[in-house]
């Protein structure tokens, strides 16, 4: 007896999966390019300092600060924020605004102070690293009140880099003076280092809202400052640095007032305890990308 022929089943046709090359879009790549350029500018400042080209060294740090301010804004504008970019930005900041300014200042003046000069610039670099670490760990902190996101805790690292280089900027206009004494420069460096890791609330320009009636005066002021930066670069930068340090007095008072108002609204204070605050309470702004405690 013959066996019936078994029909051969046809396998269903399946298309082979197409292997697609995955890469980064320009939106995600451009902010990282700016961060990398900021890192290169900071390292170039060290090279200029080794060759005693001090103005070019400080200019390189300024370029790094401008690029550092642009990369985050470009990332938010193009929706190209990423964890890789955040980590790269922190590493670039510690090099460009922590290590590079410290080495520049040491090669310019602090090496004449011997071991104490090295301790001063090393303290600044360490405090810059500690501040960045504190900032990164506080990014996800949701316990802060809304008004706190208008402030940084301590001086941001790019601003700190500009502050410790102020004696060098002054020397570009006045070749010698008490501002170039190693002892004074060392004390100033330690003072700036302490500002980095302090708990002093400082204004965050990223969330400042200008009332409409002040827009024209502000634009005129910006144009005036831009003109001064072109015609008298170093004195203007020194003046801006001193104004920034002076603004901390007002930021501390404003922060304390808002804190009292918030406590009063939550019922933690009596009206008599909050009476010294005469400024009306500020409406809580939208939360920016970078919170307080940085």
C-alpha atoms as a PDB file:
ATOM      1  CA  UNK A   1       0.000   0.000   0.000  1.00  0.00           C
ATOM      2  CA  UNK A   2       1.440   3.311  -1.065  1.00  0.00           C
ATOM      3  CA  UNK A   3       1.678   6.132   1.403  1.00  0.00           C
ATOM      4  CA  UNK A   4      -0.140   9.310   0.447  1.00  0.00           C
ATOM      5  CA  UNK A   5       2.101  12.046  -0.681  1.00  0.00           C
ATOM      6  CA  UNK A   6       2.616  14.620   2.009  1.00  0.00           C
ATOM      7  CA  UNK A   7       2.008  18.099   0.806  1.00  0.00           C
ATOM      8  CA  UNK A   8       4.953  20.299   1.449  1.00  0.00           C
ATOM      9  CA  UNK A   9       3.869  23.265   3.487  1.00  0.00           C
ATOM     10  CA  UNK A  10       5.075  26.584   2.250  1.00  0.00           C
ATOM     11  CA  UNK A  11       6.585  28.790   4.840  1.00  0.00           C
ATOM     12  CA  UNK A  12       5.150  32.272   4.970  1.00  0.00           C
ATOM     13  CA  UNK A  13       7.350  34.869   3.395  1.00  0.00           C
ATOM     14  CA  UNK A  14       9.036  37.052   5.949  1.00  0.00           C
ATOM     15  CA  UNK A  15      10.985  40.116   5.145  1.00  0.00           C
ATOM     16  CA  UNK A  16      14.347  40.409   6.684  1.00  0.00           C
ATOM     17  CA  UNK A  17      14.551  43.213   9.193  1.00  0.00           C
ATOM     18  CA  UNK A  18      16.220  46.282   7.811  1.00  0.00           C
ATOM     19  CA  UNK A  19      19.206  47.284   9.878  1.00  0.00           C
ATOM     20  CA  UNK A  20      19.112  51.017  10.332  1.00  0.00           C
ATOM     21  CA  UNK A  21      22.123  52.989  11.409  1.00  0.00           C
ATOM     22  CA  UNK A  22      21.209  54.902  14.500  1.00  0.00           C
ATOM     23  CA  UNK A  23      22.933  58.176  15.149  1.00  0.00           C
ATOM     24  CA  UNK A  24      22.501  61.555  16.748  1.00  0.00           C
ATOM     25  CA  UNK A  25      20.446  64.244  15.114  1.00  0.00           C
ATOM     26  CA  UNK A  26      21.806  67.746  14.669  1.00  0.00           C
ATOM     27  CA  UNK A  27      19.479  68.909  17.445  1.00  0.00           C
ATOM     28  CA  UNK A  28      21.265  66.657  19.923  1.00  0.00           C
ATOM     29  CA  UNK A  29      24.732  67.101  18.463  1.00  0.00           C
ATOM     30  CA  UNK A  30      24.925  70.906  18.305  1.00  0.00           C
ATOM     31  CA  UNK A  31      24.766  71.536  22.093  1.00  0.00           C
ATOM     32  CA  UNK A  32      27.504  68.936  22.621  1.00  0.00           C
ATOM     33  CA  UNK A  33      29.619  70.645  19.951  1.00  0.00           C
ATOM     34  CA  UNK A  34      29.316  73.948  21.822  1.00  0.00           C
ATOM     35  CA  UNK A  35      30.256  72.236  25.092  1.00  0.00           C
ATOM     36  CA  UNK A  36      33.299  70.652  23.454  1.00  0.00           C
ATOM     37  CA  UNK A  37      34.361  74.025  22.053  1.00  0.00           C
ATOM     38  CA  UNK A  38      34.049  75.515  25.544  1.00  0.00           C
ATOM     39  CA  UNK A  39      36.312  72.760  26.861  1.00  0.00           C
ATOM     40  CA  UNK A  40      38.844  73.461  24.105  1.00  0.00           C
ATOM     41  CA  UNK A  41      38.759  77.186  24.899  1.00  0.00           C
ATOM     42  CA  UNK A  42      39.464  76.506  28.573  1.00  0.00           C
ATOM     43  CA  UNK A  43      42.412  74.265  27.748  1.00  0.00           C
ATOM     44  CA  UNK A  44      43.725  76.837  25.257  1.00  0.00           C
ATOM     45  CA  UNK A  45      43.791  79.368  28.085  1.00  0.00           C
ATOM     46  CA  UNK A  46      46.350  77.164  29.864  1.00  0.00           C
ATOM     47  CA  UNK A  47      48.516  77.088  26.745  1.00  0.00           C
ATOM     48  CA  UNK A  48      48.484  80.881  26.492  1.00  0.00           C
ATOM     49  CA  UNK A  49      49.380  81.147  30.190  1.00  0.00           C
ATOM     50  CA  UNK A  50      52.377  78.846  29.738  1.00  0.00           C
ATOM     51  CA  UNK A  51      53.667  81.265  27.088  1.00  0.00           C
ATOM     52  CA  UNK A  52      52.825  84.277  29.321  1.00  0.00           C
ATOM     53  CA  UNK A  53      50.226  85.631  26.915  1.00  0.00           C
ATOM     54  CA  UNK A  54      47.932  86.706  29.708  1.00  0.00           C
ATOM     55  CA  UNK A  55      45.320  88.674  27.782  1.00  0.00           C
ATOM     56  CA  UNK A  56      44.779  85.795  25.369  1.00  0.00           C
ATOM     57  CA  UNK A  57      44.542  83.390  28.321  1.00  0.00           C
ATOM     58  CA  UNK A  58      41.787  85.399  30.004  1.00  0.00           C
ATOM     59  CA  UNK A  59      40.035  85.881  26.660  1.00  0.00           C
ATOM     60  CA  UNK A  60      39.982  82.113  26.171  1.00  0.00           C
ATOM     61  CA  UNK A  61      38.194  81.696  29.527  1.00  0.00           C
ATOM     62  CA  UNK A  62      35.709  84.400  28.494  1.00  0.00           C
ATOM     63  CA  UNK A  63      35.018  82.554  25.243  1.00  0.00           C
ATOM     64  CA  UNK A  64      34.470  79.356  27.226  1.00  0.00           C
ATOM     65  CA  UNK A  65      31.979  81.190  29.462  1.00  0.00           C
ATOM     66  CA  UNK A  66      30.025  82.464  26.455  1.00  0.00           C
ATOM     67  CA  UNK A  67      29.895  78.999  24.898  1.00  0.00           C
ATOM     68  CA  UNK A  68      28.872  77.495  28.240  1.00  0.00           C
ATOM     69  CA  UNK A  69      25.975  79.923  28.413  1.00  0.00           C
ATOM     70  CA  UNK A  70      24.878  79.039  24.889  1.00  0.00           C
ATOM     71  CA  UNK A  71      24.961  75.246  24.982  1.00  0.00           C
ATOM     72  CA  UNK A  72      22.179  74.856  27.535  1.00  0.00           C
ATOM     73  CA  UNK A  73      19.937  77.378  25.817  1.00  0.00           C
ATOM     74  CA  UNK A  74      20.511  75.781  22.425  1.00  0.00           C
ATOM     75  CA  UNK A  75      19.727  72.354  23.891  1.00  0.00           C
ATOM     76  CA  UNK A  76      16.418  73.588  25.291  1.00  0.00           C
ATOM     77  CA  UNK A  77      15.574  75.485  22.114  1.00  0.00           C
ATOM     78  CA  UNK A  78      16.234  72.495  19.849  1.00  0.00           C
ATOM     79  CA  UNK A  79      14.960  69.983  22.412  1.00  0.00           C
ATOM     80  CA  UNK A  80      18.320  68.296  22.288  1.00  0.00           C
ATOM     81  CA  UNK A  81      18.921  67.816  26.006  1.00  0.00           C
ATOM     82  CA  UNK A  82      20.430  64.474  26.956  1.00  0.00           C
ATOM     83  CA  UNK A  83      22.109  62.822  29.929  1.00  0.00           C
ATOM     84  CA  UNK A  84      25.319  62.559  27.915  1.00  0.00           C
ATOM     85  CA  UNK A  85      25.251  66.305  27.288  1.00  0.00           C
ATOM     86  CA  UNK A  86      24.648  67.043  30.970  1.00  0.00           C
ATOM     87  CA  UNK A  87      27.621  64.917  32.036  1.00  0.00           C
ATOM     88  CA  UNK A  88      29.848  66.427  29.342  1.00  0.00           C
ATOM     89  CA  UNK A  89      28.847  69.923  30.423  1.00  0.00           C
ATOM     90  CA  UNK A  90      29.849  69.259  34.035  1.00  0.00           C
ATOM     91  CA  UNK A  91      33.231  67.847  33.018  1.00  0.00           C
ATOM     92  CA  UNK A  92      33.864  70.793  30.692  1.00  0.00           C
ATOM     93  CA  UNK A  93      32.937  73.261  33.439  1.00  0.00           C
ATOM     94  CA  UNK A  94      35.370  71.860  35.979  1.00  0.00           C
ATOM     95  CA  UNK A  95      38.196  72.082  33.432  1.00  0.00           C
ATOM     96  CA  UNK A  96      37.338  75.460  31.872  1.00  0.00           C
ATOM     97  CA  UNK A  97      36.264  77.297  35.040  1.00  0.00           C
ATOM     98  CA  UNK A  98      37.934  75.323  37.807  1.00  0.00           C
ATOM     99  CA  UNK A  99      41.307  73.990  36.692  1.00  0.00           C
ATOM    100  CA  UNK A 100      42.224  76.436  33.907  1.00  0.00           C
ATOM    101  CA  UNK A 101      41.705  79.708  35.860  1.00  0.00           C
ATOM    102  CA  UNK A 102      43.587  78.238  38.821  1.00  0.00           C
ATOM    103  CA  UNK A 103      46.593  77.339  36.648  1.00  0.00           C
ATOM    104  CA  UNK A 104      46.499  80.709  34.867  1.00  0.00           C
ATOM    105  CA  UNK A 105      46.488  82.567  38.182  1.00  0.00           C
ATOM    106  CA  UNK A 106      49.267  80.377  39.575  1.00  0.00           C
ATOM    107  CA  UNK A 107      51.535  80.920  36.573  1.00  0.00           C
ATOM    108  CA  UNK A 108      50.847  84.665  36.621  1.00  0.00           C
ATOM    109  CA  UNK A 109      51.402  85.514  40.264  1.00  0.00           C
ATOM    110  CA  UNK A 110      50.728  82.811  42.836  1.00  0.00           C
ATOM    111  CA  UNK A 111      53.851  80.786  42.113  1.00  0.00           C
ATOM    112  CA  UNK A 112      55.783  83.663  43.703  1.00  0.00           C
ATOM    113  CA  UNK A 113      54.005  82.866  46.975  1.00  0.00           C
ATOM    114  CA  UNK A 114      55.438  79.355  47.072  1.00  0.00           C
ATOM    115  CA  UNK A 115      53.417  76.587  48.680  1.00  0.00           C
ATOM    116  CA  UNK A 116      50.785  78.985  50.026  1.00  0.00           C
ATOM    117  CA  UNK A 117      50.073  80.200  46.507  1.00  0.00           C
ATOM    118  CA  UNK A 118      49.566  76.645  45.329  1.00  0.00           C
ATOM    119  CA  UNK A 119      47.252  75.918  48.263  1.00  0.00           C
ATOM    120  CA  UNK A 120      45.130  78.966  47.392  1.00  0.00           C
ATOM    121  CA  UNK A 121      44.591  78.044  43.740  1.00  0.00           C
ATOM    122  CA  UNK A 122      44.097  74.385  44.633  1.00  0.00           C
ATOM    123  CA  UNK A 123      41.424  75.390  47.143  1.00  0.00           C
ATOM    124  CA  UNK A 124      39.612  77.256  44.396  1.00  0.00           C
ATOM    125  CA  UNK A 125      39.719  74.281  42.007  1.00  0.00           C
ATOM    126  CA  UNK A 126      38.478  71.901  44.718  1.00  0.00           C
ATOM    127  CA  UNK A 127      35.637  74.247  45.692  1.00  0.00           C
ATOM    128  CA  UNK A 128      34.635  74.518  42.033  1.00  0.00           C
ATOM    129  CA  UNK A 129      34.409  70.728  41.816  1.00  0.00           C
ATOM    130  CA  UNK A 130      32.405  70.547  45.056  1.00  0.00           C
ATOM    131  CA  UNK A 131      29.971  73.163  43.832  1.00  0.00           C
ATOM    132  CA  UNK A 132      29.369  71.330  40.562  1.00  0.00           C
ATOM    133  CA  UNK A 133      28.839  68.083  42.465  1.00  0.00           C
ATOM    134  CA  UNK A 134      26.338  69.782  44.764  1.00  0.00           C
ATOM    135  CA  UNK A 135      24.547  71.260  41.772  1.00  0.00           C
ATOM    136  CA  UNK A 136      24.242  67.904  40.003  1.00  0.00           C
ATOM    137  CA  UNK A 137      22.850  66.184  43.083  1.00  0.00           C
ATOM    138  CA  UNK A 138      20.260  68.950  43.578  1.00  0.00           C
ATOM    139  CA  UNK A 139      18.822  68.881  40.052  1.00  0.00           C
ATOM    140  CA  UNK A 140      16.014  66.511  41.029  1.00  0.00           C
ATOM    141  CA  UNK A 141      15.213  68.209  44.322  1.00  0.00           C
ATOM    142  CA  UNK A 142      11.453  68.874  44.373  1.00  0.00           C
ATOM    143  CA  UNK A 143      11.255  70.046  47.984  1.00  0.00           C
ATOM    144  CA  UNK A 144      12.285  73.642  47.278  1.00  0.00           C
ATOM    145  CA  UNK A 145       9.633  76.382  47.330  1.00  0.00           C
ATOM    146  CA  UNK A 146       8.773  77.960  43.950  1.00  0.00           C
ATOM    147  CA  UNK A 147      10.584  81.236  44.650  1.00  0.00           C
ATOM    148  CA  UNK A 148      13.856  79.393  45.325  1.00  0.00           C
ATOM    149  CA  UNK A 149      14.242  78.584  41.638  1.00  0.00           C
ATOM    150  CA  UNK A 150      14.960  82.271  41.023  1.00  0.00           C
ATOM    151  CA  UNK A 151      18.255  81.858  42.858  1.00  0.00           C
ATOM    152  CA  UNK A 152      21.468  79.905  42.814  1.00  0.00           C
ATOM    153  CA  UNK A 153      23.049  78.742  46.045  1.00  0.00           C
ATOM    154  CA  UNK A 154      26.518  80.240  46.006  1.00  0.00           C
ATOM    155  CA  UNK A 155      28.328  81.762  43.055  1.00  0.00           C
ATOM    156  CA  UNK A 156      28.128  79.800  39.776  1.00  0.00           C
ATOM    157  CA  UNK A 157      31.436  78.379  38.596  1.00  0.00           C
ATOM    158  CA  UNK A 158      31.731  80.532  35.406  1.00  0.00           C
ATOM    159  CA  UNK A 159      31.171  83.668  37.492  1.00  0.00           C
ATOM    160  CA  UNK A 160      33.747  82.423  39.999  1.00  0.00           C
ATOM    161  CA  UNK A 161      36.300  82.034  37.214  1.00  0.00           C
ATOM    162  CA  UNK A 162      35.771  85.642  36.162  1.00  0.00           C
ATOM    163  CA  UNK A 163      36.067  86.842  39.750  1.00  0.00           C
ATOM    164  CA  UNK A 164      39.414  85.202  40.548  1.00  0.00           C
ATOM    165  CA  UNK A 165      40.845  86.551  37.280  1.00  0.00           C
ATOM    166  CA  UNK A 166      39.900  90.138  38.166  1.00  0.00           C
ATOM    167  CA  UNK A 167      43.387  91.009  39.552  1.00  0.00           C
ATOM    168  CA  UNK A 168      44.831  89.863  36.248  1.00  0.00           C
ATOM    169  CA  UNK A 169      42.332  92.027  34.344  1.00  0.00           C
ATOM    170  CA  UNK A 170      43.256  95.054  36.457  1.00  0.00           C
ATOM    171  CA  UNK A 171      46.925  94.496  35.633  1.00  0.00           C
ATOM    172  CA  UNK A 172      46.120  94.857  31.930  1.00  0.00           C
ATOM    173  CA  UNK A 173      45.245  98.525  32.541  1.00  0.00           C
ATOM    174  CA  UNK A 174      47.628  99.243  35.431  1.00  0.00           C
ATOM    175  CA  UNK A 175      50.833  97.268  35.170  1.00  0.00           C
ATOM    176  CA  UNK A 176      51.695  97.272  38.874  1.00  0.00           C
ATOM    177  CA  UNK A 177      50.038  98.053  42.179  1.00  0.00           C
ATOM    178  CA  UNK A 178      48.789  96.575  45.431  1.00  0.00           C
ATOM    179  CA  UNK A 179      46.271  94.438  43.488  1.00  0.00           C
ATOM    180  CA  UNK A 180      49.179  92.407  42.096  1.00  0.00           C
ATOM    181  CA  UNK A 181      50.622  91.469  45.506  1.00  0.00           C
ATOM    182  CA  UNK A 182      50.700  87.674  45.958  1.00  0.00           C
ATOM    183  CA  UNK A 183      49.222  87.917  49.467  1.00  0.00           C
ATOM    184  CA  UNK A 184      46.247  90.000  48.343  1.00  0.00           C
ATOM    185  CA  UNK A 185      45.645  87.847  45.267  1.00  0.00           C
ATOM    186  CA  UNK A 186      45.798  84.727  47.437  1.00  0.00           C
ATOM    187  CA  UNK A 187      43.256  86.109  49.909  1.00  0.00           C
ATOM    188  CA  UNK A 188      40.960  87.099  47.037  1.00  0.00           C
ATOM    189  CA  UNK A 189      41.258  83.611  45.555  1.00  0.00           C
ATOM    190  CA  UNK A 190      40.305  81.963  48.849  1.00  0.00           C
ATOM    191  CA  UNK A 191      37.406  84.405  49.249  1.00  0.00           C
ATOM    192  CA  UNK A 192      36.020  83.498  45.815  1.00  0.00           C
ATOM    193  CA  UNK A 193      36.502  79.801  46.572  1.00  0.00           C
ATOM    194  CA  UNK A 194      34.376  80.180  49.703  1.00  0.00           C
ATOM    195  CA  UNK A 195      31.691  81.991  47.699  1.00  0.00           C
ATOM    196  CA  UNK A 196      31.442  78.971  45.401  1.00  0.00           C
ATOM    197  CA  UNK A 197      30.569  76.547  48.199  1.00  0.00           C
ATOM    198  CA  UNK A 198      28.633  79.015  50.342  1.00  0.00           C
ATOM    199  CA  UNK A 199      24.867  78.929  50.925  1.00  0.00           C
ATOM    200  CA  UNK A 200      24.456  82.554  49.849  1.00  0.00           C
ATOM    201  CA  UNK A 201      21.483  82.909  47.462  1.00  0.00           C
ATOM    202  CA  UNK A 202      22.518  84.699  44.281  1.00  0.00           C
ATOM    203  CA  UNK A 203      20.272  85.925  41.495  1.00  0.00           C
ATOM    204  CA  UNK A 204      19.726  83.608  38.545  1.00  0.00           C
ATOM    205  CA  UNK A 205      19.487  85.635  35.343  1.00  0.00           C
ATOM    206  CA  UNK A 206      17.797  82.745  33.532  1.00  0.00           C
ATOM    207  CA  UNK A 207      14.420  83.395  35.128  1.00  0.00           C
ATOM    208  CA  UNK A 208      14.517  87.166  35.643  1.00  0.00           C
ATOM    209  CA  UNK A 209      11.469  88.807  34.111  1.00  0.00           C
ATOM    210  CA  UNK A 210      11.736  92.459  33.164  1.00  0.00           C
ATOM    211  CA  UNK A 211       8.572  94.579  33.522  1.00  0.00           C
ATOM    212  CA  UNK A 212       7.393  96.073  30.259  1.00  0.00           C
ATOM    213  CA  UNK A 213       7.990  99.663  31.372  1.00  0.00           C
ATOM    214  CA  UNK A 214      11.682  98.859  31.976  1.00  0.00           C
ATOM    215  CA  UNK A 215      12.370  97.092  28.687  1.00  0.00           C
ATOM    216  CA  UNK A 216      13.579 100.207  26.835  1.00  0.00           C
ATOM    217  CA  UNK A 217      15.948 101.365  29.625  1.00  0.00           C
ATOM    218  CA  UNK A 218      17.324  97.830  29.910  1.00  0.00           C
ATOM    219  CA  UNK A 219      17.973  97.674  26.162  1.00  0.00           C
ATOM    220  CA  UNK A 220      19.738 101.042  26.311  1.00  0.00           C
ATOM    221  CA  UNK A 221      21.829  99.804  29.229  1.00  0.00           C
ATOM    222  CA  UNK A 222      22.758  96.612  27.385  1.00  0.00           C
ATOM    223  CA  UNK A 223      23.853  98.657  24.378  1.00  0.00           C
ATOM    224  CA  UNK A 224      25.948 100.901  26.612  1.00  0.00           C
ATOM    225  CA  UNK A 225      27.626  97.930  28.294  1.00  0.00           C
ATOM    226  CA  UNK A 226      28.306  96.327  24.910  1.00  0.00           C
ATOM    227  CA  UNK A 227      29.951  99.550  23.727  1.00  0.00           C
ATOM    228  CA  UNK A 228      32.104  99.704  26.848  1.00  0.00           C
ATOM    229  CA  UNK A 229      33.108  96.067  26.417  1.00  0.00           C
ATOM    230  CA  UNK A 230      34.434  96.900  22.964  1.00  0.00           C
ATOM    231  CA  UNK A 231      36.159 100.174  23.850  1.00  0.00           C
ATOM    232  CA  UNK A 232      37.298  99.423  27.427  1.00  0.00           C
ATOM    233  CA  UNK A 233      37.053  95.667  27.814  1.00  0.00           C
ATOM    234  CA  UNK A 234      38.986  94.971  30.997  1.00  0.00           C
ATOM    235  CA  UNK A 235      37.788  97.905  33.151  1.00  0.00           C
ATOM    236  CA  UNK A 236      34.209  97.104  32.141  1.00  0.00           C
ATOM    237  CA  UNK A 237      34.577  93.447  33.118  1.00  0.00           C
ATOM    238  CA  UNK A 238      36.089  94.423  36.471  1.00  0.00           C
ATOM    239  CA  UNK A 239      33.224  96.850  37.093  1.00  0.00           C
ATOM    240  CA  UNK A 240      30.663  94.165  36.222  1.00  0.00           C
ATOM    241  CA  UNK A 241      32.386  91.765  38.606  1.00  0.00           C
ATOM    242  CA  UNK A 242      32.231  94.276  41.461  1.00  0.00           C
ATOM    243  CA  UNK A 243      28.563  94.978  40.717  1.00  0.00           C
ATOM    244  CA  UNK A 244      27.878  91.245  40.811  1.00  0.00           C
ATOM    245  CA  UNK A 245      29.543  90.876  44.204  1.00  0.00           C
ATOM    246  CA  UNK A 246      27.565  93.858  45.504  1.00  0.00           C
ATOM    247  CA  UNK A 247      24.296  92.377  44.239  1.00  0.00           C
ATOM    248  CA  UNK A 248      24.667  89.499  46.706  1.00  0.00           C
ATOM    249  CA  UNK A 249      23.625  91.835  49.518  1.00  0.00           C
ATOM    250  CA  UNK A 250      20.306  92.509  47.778  1.00  0.00           C
ATOM    251  CA  UNK A 251      19.786  88.882  46.776  1.00  0.00           C
ATOM    252  CA  UNK A 252      20.202  87.757  50.396  1.00  0.00           C
ATOM    253  CA  UNK A 253      17.646  90.304  51.614  1.00  0.00           C
ATOM    254  CA  UNK A 254      15.198  89.470  48.839  1.00  0.00           C
ATOM    255  CA  UNK A 255      15.511  85.745  49.450  1.00  0.00           C
ATOM    256  CA  UNK A 256      14.952  86.190  53.194  1.00  0.00           C
ATOM    257  CA  UNK A 257      11.840  88.272  52.500  1.00  0.00           C
ATOM    258  CA  UNK A 258      10.372  85.688  50.138  1.00  0.00           C
ATOM    259  CA  UNK A 259      11.152  82.946  52.636  1.00  0.00           C
ATOM    260  CA  UNK A 260       9.247  84.816  55.352  1.00  0.00           C
ATOM    261  CA  UNK A 261       6.319  85.395  53.023  1.00  0.00           C
ATOM    262  CA  UNK A 262       6.215  81.719  52.082  1.00  0.00           C
ATOM    263  CA  UNK A 263       6.324  80.704  55.745  1.00  0.00           C
ATOM    264  CA  UNK A 264       3.480  83.126  56.495  1.00  0.00           C
ATOM    265  CA  UNK A 265       1.357  81.648  53.719  1.00  0.00           C
ATOM    266  CA  UNK A 266       2.001  78.155  55.082  1.00  0.00           C
ATOM    267  CA  UNK A 267       1.034  79.293  58.580  1.00  0.00           C
ATOM    268  CA  UNK A 268       4.487  78.728  60.047  1.00  0.00           C
ATOM    269  CA  UNK A 269       4.920  82.369  61.137  1.00  0.00           C
ATOM    270  CA  UNK A 270       2.710  84.937  62.789  1.00  0.00           C
ATOM    271  CA  UNK A 271       2.017  88.197  60.982  1.00  0.00           C
ATOM    272  CA  UNK A 272       4.090  90.111  63.554  1.00  0.00           C
ATOM    273  CA  UNK A 273       7.174  87.999  62.769  1.00  0.00           C
ATOM    274  CA  UNK A 274       6.778  88.638  59.045  1.00  0.00           C
ATOM    275  CA  UNK A 275       6.074  92.370  59.526  1.00  0.00           C
ATOM    276  CA  UNK A 276       9.657  93.582  58.749  1.00  0.00           C
ATOM    277  CA  UNK A 277       9.205  92.435  55.166  1.00  0.00           C
ATOM    278  CA  UNK A 278       7.528  95.356  53.413  1.00  0.00           C
ATOM    279  CA  UNK A 279       7.930  94.195  49.813  1.00  0.00           C
ATOM    280  CA  UNK A 280       4.831  92.459  48.380  1.00  0.00           C
ATOM    281  CA  UNK A 281       5.070  88.728  47.852  1.00  0.00           C
ATOM    282  CA  UNK A 282       6.301  87.599  44.458  1.00  0.00           C
ATOM    283  CA  UNK A 283       4.257  85.245  42.338  1.00  0.00           C
ATOM    284  CA  UNK A 284       6.038  81.887  42.077  1.00  0.00           C
ATOM    285  CA  UNK A 285       7.598  81.575  38.598  1.00  0.00           C
ATOM    286  CA  UNK A 286       7.702  78.539  36.410  1.00  0.00           C
ATOM    287  CA  UNK A 287      10.420  76.128  37.434  1.00  0.00           C
ATOM    288  CA  UNK A 288      13.560  76.594  35.300  1.00  0.00           C
ATOM    289  CA  UNK A 289      15.809  73.783  34.253  1.00  0.00           C
ATOM    290  CA  UNK A 290      18.424  74.643  36.835  1.00  0.00           C
ATOM    291  CA  UNK A 291      17.140  74.837  40.424  1.00  0.00           C
ATOM    292  CA  UNK A 292      18.536  76.422  43.519  1.00  0.00           C
ATOM    293  CA  UNK A 293      21.248  74.616  45.493  1.00  0.00           C
ATOM    294  CA  UNK A 294      23.642  74.629  42.558  1.00  0.00           C
END
